[in-house]
Amino acid sequence: MQEFRKLHGSEMSRLSAEQYAATARHPIVLMLHNVRSMWNVGSMFRTADASGIEKIILSGYTATPPRKEIEKTALGAQETVVWEYHADPVTALSALKKEGIKIFGLEITEGSQPYTAVNSTLFPLCLVVGNEVEGLDTEVLALCDGVLEIPQFGTKHSLNVAVAAGIALFEMVRVFRNGM
């Protein structure tokens, strides 16, 4: 039987903040609209860093760094991930669409597709996640080129927004990297 030795941080060949800033990013933007939990915001910063996406857009009443609650779960990723704030998600998403970026909501709707339906022709893209209770606003869904859904096999009808964003982002990164 193979033995597995846990690696220490110094053995993981992680990039420094300066090295990370100079690397190419995956052509994915993550928008957080009206996310109420700062711990969820921080968690999504950490996932954005780990997945190497272009940036995060915070909108609506989503909190922005610096906040101790965000920092607690971001573990410094709020310093390495490019982010911007736009009060109005419609303005921000419209600007992205003009740049040729496709918009995908992560929500349970009529006509939604499994998150695994993403293919390499859809990049660059923006994944939009919403409020932990209400999900995405109708005005945001109206701007989406598609809506992705993570299948649920238990009694609950949703996942924590930060968990769902992580699942979808890493699938998108996998698809993009396989299509390179």
C-alpha atoms as a PDB file:
ATOM      1  CA  MET A   1       0.000   0.000   0.000  1.00  0.00           C
ATOM      2  CA  GLN A   2       1.301   3.456  -0.934  1.00  0.00           C
ATOM      3  CA  GLU A   3       2.115   5.825   1.871  1.00  0.00           C
ATOM      4  CA  PHE A   4       1.038   9.446   1.589  1.00  0.00           C
ATOM      5  CA  ARG A   5       2.970  12.161   3.363  1.00  0.00           C
ATOM      6  CA  LYS A   6       1.196  15.456   3.842  1.00  0.00           C
ATOM      7  CA  LEU A   7       3.115  18.331   2.249  1.00  0.00           C
ATOM      8  CA  HIS A   8       4.051  21.411   4.231  1.00  0.00           C
ATOM      9  CA  GLY A   9       3.331  24.854   2.776  1.00  0.00           C
ATOM     10  CA  SER A  10       6.980  25.386   1.838  1.00  0.00           C
ATOM     11  CA  GLU A  11       6.903  22.223  -0.315  1.00  0.00           C
ATOM     12  CA  MET A  12       3.864  23.173  -2.411  1.00  0.00           C
ATOM     13  CA  SER A  13       5.561  25.445  -4.960  1.00  0.00           C
ATOM     14  CA  ARG A  14       2.920  28.127  -4.516  1.00  0.00           C
ATOM     15  CA  LEU A  15       3.329  31.435  -6.300  1.00  0.00           C
ATOM     16  CA  SER A  16       4.140  34.579  -4.379  1.00  0.00           C
ATOM     17  CA  ALA A  17       1.647  37.442  -4.650  1.00  0.00           C
ATOM     18  CA  GLU A  18       4.016  39.158  -7.102  1.00  0.00           C
ATOM     19  CA  GLN A  19       4.388  36.020  -9.254  1.00  0.00           C
ATOM     20  CA  TYR A  20       0.632  35.460  -9.205  1.00  0.00           C
ATOM     21  CA  ALA A  21       0.001  39.051 -10.337  1.00  0.00           C
ATOM     22  CA  ALA A  22       2.170  38.395 -13.404  1.00  0.00           C
ATOM     23  CA  THR A  23       0.465  35.143 -14.478  1.00  0.00           C
ATOM     24  CA  ALA A  24      -2.175  34.774 -17.167  1.00  0.00           C
ATOM     25  CA  ARG A  25      -5.660  34.221 -15.807  1.00  0.00           C
ATOM     26  CA  HIS A  26      -8.480  32.001 -16.965  1.00  0.00           C
ATOM     27  CA  PRO A  27     -11.018  34.097 -18.946  1.00  0.00           C
ATOM     28  CA  ILE A  28     -13.682  33.915 -16.255  1.00  0.00           C
ATOM     29  CA  VAL A  29     -15.212  36.731 -14.224  1.00  0.00           C
ATOM     30  CA  LEU A  30     -17.206  35.994 -11.083  1.00  0.00           C
ATOM     31  CA  MET A  31     -19.957  38.433 -10.126  1.00  0.00           C
ATOM     32  CA  LEU A  32     -21.388  38.392  -6.606  1.00  0.00           C
ATOM     33  CA  HIS A  33     -24.687  40.250  -6.509  1.00  0.00           C
ATOM     34  CA  ASN A  34     -26.391  40.991  -3.192  1.00  0.00           C
ATOM     35  CA  VAL A  35     -24.438  38.337  -1.298  1.00  0.00           C
ATOM     36  CA  ARG A  36     -25.229  39.086   2.328  1.00  0.00           C
ATOM     37  CA  SER A  37     -22.591  37.029   4.152  1.00  0.00           C
ATOM     38  CA  MET A  38     -19.130  38.537   4.276  1.00  0.00           C
ATOM     39  CA  TRP A  39     -17.770  35.081   5.101  1.00  0.00           C
ATOM     40  CA  ASN A  40     -19.214  33.830   1.807  1.00  0.00           C
ATOM     41  CA  VAL A  41     -17.623  36.795   0.027  1.00  0.00           C
ATOM     42  CA  GLY A  42     -14.247  35.959   1.572  1.00  0.00           C
ATOM     43  CA  SER A  43     -14.617  32.302   0.663  1.00  0.00           C
ATOM     44  CA  MET A  44     -15.303  33.209  -2.962  1.00  0.00           C
ATOM     45  CA  PHE A  45     -12.211  35.453  -3.022  1.00  0.00           C
ATOM     46  CA  ARG A  46     -10.168  32.460  -1.870  1.00  0.00           C
ATOM     47  CA  THR A  47     -11.741  30.232  -4.526  1.00  0.00           C
ATOM     48  CA  ALA A  48     -11.157  32.905  -7.188  1.00  0.00           C
ATOM     49  CA  ASP A  49      -7.478  32.988  -6.265  1.00  0.00           C
ATOM     50  CA  ALA A  50      -7.166  29.198  -6.229  1.00  0.00           C
ATOM     51  CA  SER A  51      -8.884  28.849  -9.605  1.00  0.00           C
ATOM     52  CA  GLY A  52      -6.917  31.665 -11.230  1.00  0.00           C
ATOM     53  CA  ILE A  53      -9.829  33.606 -12.704  1.00  0.00           C
ATOM     54  CA  GLU A  54      -9.569  37.145 -14.087  1.00  0.00           C
ATOM     55  CA  LYS A  55     -11.513  39.059 -11.472  1.00  0.00           C
ATOM     56  CA  ILE A  56     -14.468  39.372  -9.150  1.00  0.00           C
ATOM     57  CA  ILE A  57     -17.184  41.969  -9.551  1.00  0.00           C
ATOM     58  CA  LEU A  58     -19.086  42.821  -6.384  1.00  0.00           C
ATOM     59  CA  SER A  59     -22.480  44.469  -6.815  1.00  0.00           C
ATOM     60  CA  GLY A  60     -25.573  45.549  -4.966  1.00  0.00           C
ATOM     61  CA  TYR A  61     -25.194  45.331  -1.206  1.00  0.00           C
ATOM     62  CA  THR A  62     -22.366  42.776  -1.353  1.00  0.00           C
ATOM     63  CA  ALA A  63     -19.690  43.938   1.097  1.00  0.00           C
ATOM     64  CA  THR A  64     -16.280  44.935  -0.210  1.00  0.00           C
ATOM     65  CA  PRO A  65     -12.827  44.603   1.341  1.00  0.00           C
ATOM     66  CA  PRO A  66     -11.393  45.624   3.676  1.00  0.00           C
ATOM     67  CA  ARG A  67     -13.635  43.928   6.229  1.00  0.00           C
ATOM     68  CA  LYS A  68     -12.413  41.574   8.944  1.00  0.00           C
ATOM     69  CA  GLU A  69     -15.193  39.090   8.123  1.00  0.00           C
ATOM     70  CA  ILE A  70     -14.067  38.898   4.487  1.00  0.00           C
ATOM     71  CA  GLU A  71     -10.413  38.652   5.485  1.00  0.00           C
ATOM     72  CA  LYS A  72     -11.139  35.796   7.898  1.00  0.00           C
ATOM     73  CA  THR A  73     -12.168  33.425   5.094  1.00  0.00           C
ATOM     74  CA  ALA A  74     -10.272  34.999   2.170  1.00  0.00           C
ATOM     75  CA  LEU A  75      -6.935  34.430   3.928  1.00  0.00           C
ATOM     76  CA  GLY A  76      -5.265  37.174   1.897  1.00  0.00           C
ATOM     77  CA  ALA A  77      -6.935  36.429  -1.447  1.00  0.00           C
ATOM     78  CA  GLN A  78      -8.679  39.814  -1.264  1.00  0.00           C
ATOM     79  CA  GLU A  79      -5.179  41.230  -1.868  1.00  0.00           C
ATOM     80  CA  THR A  80      -4.318  38.989  -4.854  1.00  0.00           C
ATOM     81  CA  VAL A  81      -7.604  38.789  -6.759  1.00  0.00           C
ATOM     82  CA  VAL A  82      -8.497  41.741  -8.964  1.00  0.00           C
ATOM     83  CA  TRP A  83     -11.901  43.043  -7.921  1.00  0.00           C
ATOM     84  CA  GLU A  84     -14.184  45.948  -8.547  1.00  0.00           C
ATOM     85  CA  TYR A  85     -17.471  47.186  -7.183  1.00  0.00           C
ATOM     86  CA  HIS A  86     -20.515  48.285  -9.215  1.00  0.00           C
ATOM     87  CA  ALA A  87     -23.680  49.249  -7.370  1.00  0.00           C
ATOM     88  CA  ASP A  88     -25.807  48.420 -10.412  1.00  0.00           C
ATOM     89  CA  PRO A  89     -25.368  44.875 -11.758  1.00  0.00           C
ATOM     90  CA  VAL A  90     -27.232  45.719 -14.986  1.00  0.00           C
ATOM     91  CA  THR A  91     -24.680  48.380 -15.918  1.00  0.00           C
ATOM     92  CA  ALA A  92     -21.749  46.078 -15.103  1.00  0.00           C
ATOM     93  CA  LEU A  93     -23.180  43.085 -16.985  1.00  0.00           C
ATOM     94  CA  SER A  94     -24.130  45.222 -19.983  1.00  0.00           C
ATOM     95  CA  ALA A  95     -20.541  46.474 -20.183  1.00  0.00           C
ATOM     96  CA  LEU A  96     -19.230  42.899 -20.063  1.00  0.00           C
ATOM     97  CA  LYS A  97     -21.613  41.868 -22.852  1.00  0.00           C
ATOM     98  CA  LYS A  98     -20.319  44.757 -25.002  1.00  0.00           C
ATOM     99  CA  GLU A  99     -16.815  43.329 -24.479  1.00  0.00           C
ATOM    100  CA  GLY A 100     -18.032  39.980 -25.866  1.00  0.00           C
ATOM    101  CA  ILE A 101     -18.204  38.224 -22.518  1.00  0.00           C
ATOM    102  CA  LYS A 102     -21.052  35.748 -22.183  1.00  0.00           C
ATOM    103  CA  ILE A 103     -23.090  35.921 -18.976  1.00  0.00           C
ATOM    104  CA  PHE A 104     -24.190  32.794 -17.099  1.00  0.00           C
ATOM    105  CA  GLY A 105     -26.273  32.819 -13.951  1.00  0.00           C
ATOM    106  CA  LEU A 106     -25.939  30.046 -11.399  1.00  0.00           C
ATOM    107  CA  GLU A 107     -29.548  29.478 -10.428  1.00  0.00           C
ATOM    108  CA  ILE A 108     -32.424  27.004 -10.602  1.00  0.00           C
ATOM    109  CA  THR A 109     -34.765  28.205 -13.360  1.00  0.00           C
ATOM    110  CA  GLU A 110     -36.907  26.883 -16.148  1.00  0.00           C
ATOM    111  CA  GLY A 111     -34.562  26.122 -19.019  1.00  0.00           C
ATOM    112  CA  SER A 112     -31.422  25.985 -16.900  1.00  0.00           C
ATOM    113  CA  GLN A 113     -28.696  23.577 -17.970  1.00  0.00           C
ATOM    114  CA  PRO A 114     -26.363  21.471 -15.862  1.00  0.00           C
ATOM    115  CA  TYR A 115     -23.178  23.323 -14.928  1.00  0.00           C
ATOM    116  CA  THR A 116     -21.317  20.629 -16.878  1.00  0.00           C
ATOM    117  CA  ALA A 117     -22.887  21.919 -20.121  1.00  0.00           C
ATOM    118  CA  VAL A 118     -20.206  24.628 -20.385  1.00  0.00           C
ATOM    119  CA  ASN A 119     -17.951  24.102 -23.396  1.00  0.00           C
ATOM    120  CA  SER A 120     -14.800  25.778 -24.692  1.00  0.00           C
ATOM    121  CA  THR A 121     -16.677  27.962 -27.222  1.00  0.00           C
ATOM    122  CA  LEU A 122     -18.316  29.936 -24.392  1.00  0.00           C
ATOM    123  CA  PHE A 123     -15.205  31.721 -23.127  1.00  0.00           C
ATOM    124  CA  PRO A 124     -14.695  34.421 -22.048  1.00  0.00           C
ATOM    125  CA  LEU A 125     -17.593  34.271 -19.624  1.00  0.00           C
ATOM    126  CA  CYS A 126     -18.971  35.725 -16.433  1.00  0.00           C
ATOM    127  CA  LEU A 127     -20.562  33.535 -13.766  1.00  0.00           C
ATOM    128  CA  VAL A 128     -23.127  35.424 -11.678  1.00  0.00           C
ATOM    129  CA  VAL A 129     -24.145  34.233  -8.223  1.00  0.00           C
ATOM    130  CA  GLY A 130     -26.738  35.861  -6.037  1.00  0.00           C
ATOM    131  CA  ASN A 131     -28.233  36.244  -2.620  1.00  0.00           C
ATOM    132  CA  GLU A 132     -28.157  33.234  -0.314  1.00  0.00           C
ATOM    133  CA  VAL A 133     -31.948  33.202   0.123  1.00  0.00           C
ATOM    134  CA  GLU A 134     -33.435  34.987  -2.900  1.00  0.00           C
ATOM    135  CA  GLY A 135     -30.909  33.946  -5.561  1.00  0.00           C
ATOM    136  CA  LEU A 136     -30.551  36.119  -8.648  1.00  0.00           C
ATOM    137  CA  ASP A 137     -32.816  39.078  -9.355  1.00  0.00           C
ATOM    138  CA  THR A 138     -35.086  38.892 -12.407  1.00  0.00           C
ATOM    139  CA  GLU A 139     -33.266  41.874 -13.949  1.00  0.00           C
ATOM    140  CA  VAL A 140     -29.961  39.988 -13.684  1.00  0.00           C
ATOM    141  CA  LEU A 141     -31.423  36.772 -15.107  1.00  0.00           C
ATOM    142  CA  ALA A 142     -32.762  38.786 -18.069  1.00  0.00           C
ATOM    143  CA  LEU A 143     -29.171  39.620 -19.071  1.00  0.00           C
ATOM    144  CA  CYS A 144     -27.932  36.048 -18.899  1.00  0.00           C
ATOM    145  CA  ASP A 145     -26.977  34.183 -22.056  1.00  0.00           C
ATOM    146  CA  GLY A 146     -27.647  30.989 -20.140  1.00  0.00           C
ATOM    147  CA  VAL A 147     -28.388  29.694 -16.674  1.00  0.00           C
ATOM    148  CA  LEU A 148     -26.448  26.871 -15.098  1.00  0.00           C
ATOM    149  CA  GLU A 149     -27.658  24.603 -12.332  1.00  0.00           C
ATOM    150  CA  ILE A 150     -25.921  22.128 -10.056  1.00  0.00           C
ATOM    151  CA  PRO A 151     -28.092  19.000  -9.763  1.00  0.00           C
ATOM    152  CA  GLN A 152     -29.310  18.225  -6.247  1.00  0.00           C
ATOM    153  CA  PHE A 153     -29.828  14.643  -5.148  1.00  0.00           C
ATOM    154  CA  GLY A 154     -30.929  15.057  -1.544  1.00  0.00           C
ATOM    155  CA  THR A 155     -33.741  16.818   0.262  1.00  0.00           C
ATOM    156  CA  LYS A 156     -32.252  20.328   0.018  1.00  0.00           C
ATOM    157  CA  HIS A 157     -32.823  22.371  -3.113  1.00  0.00           C
ATOM    158  CA  SER A 158     -29.652  24.444  -2.979  1.00  0.00           C
ATOM    159  CA  LEU A 159     -26.046  24.627  -1.885  1.00  0.00           C
ATOM    160  CA  ASN A 160     -24.272  27.386  -0.016  1.00  0.00           C
ATOM    161  CA  VAL A 161     -23.484  30.108  -2.579  1.00  0.00           C
ATOM    162  CA  ALA A 162     -19.722  29.920  -1.976  1.00  0.00           C
ATOM    163  CA  VAL A 163     -19.740  26.126  -2.351  1.00  0.00           C
ATOM    164  CA  ALA A 164     -21.827  26.334  -5.533  1.00  0.00           C
ATOM    165  CA  ALA A 165     -19.555  29.018  -6.996  1.00  0.00           C
ATOM    166  CA  GLY A 166     -16.511  26.842  -6.290  1.00  0.00           C
ATOM    167  CA  ILE A 167     -18.016  23.802  -7.987  1.00  0.00           C
ATOM    168  CA  ALA A 168     -18.977  25.788 -11.077  1.00  0.00           C
ATOM    169  CA  LEU A 169     -15.714  27.765 -11.290  1.00  0.00           C
ATOM    170  CA  PHE A 170     -13.488  24.723 -11.138  1.00  0.00           C
ATOM    171  CA  GLU A 171     -15.603  22.983 -13.786  1.00  0.00           C
ATOM    172  CA  MET A 172     -15.223  26.058 -16.007  1.00  0.00           C
ATOM    173  CA  VAL A 173     -11.464  26.110 -15.454  1.00  0.00           C
ATOM    174  CA  ARG A 174     -11.289  22.397 -16.280  1.00  0.00           C
ATOM    175  CA  VAL A 175     -13.227  22.893 -19.508  1.00  0.00           C
ATOM    176  CA  PHE A 176     -11.151  25.930 -20.521  1.00  0.00           C
ATOM    177  CA  ARG A 177      -7.824  24.209 -19.827  1.00  0.00           C
ATOM    178  CA  ASN A 178      -8.866  21.051 -21.690  1.00  0.00           C
ATOM    179  CA  GLY A 179      -9.852  23.174 -24.701  1.00  0.00           C
ATOM    180  CA  MET A 180      -6.522  24.994 -24.860  1.00  0.00           C
END
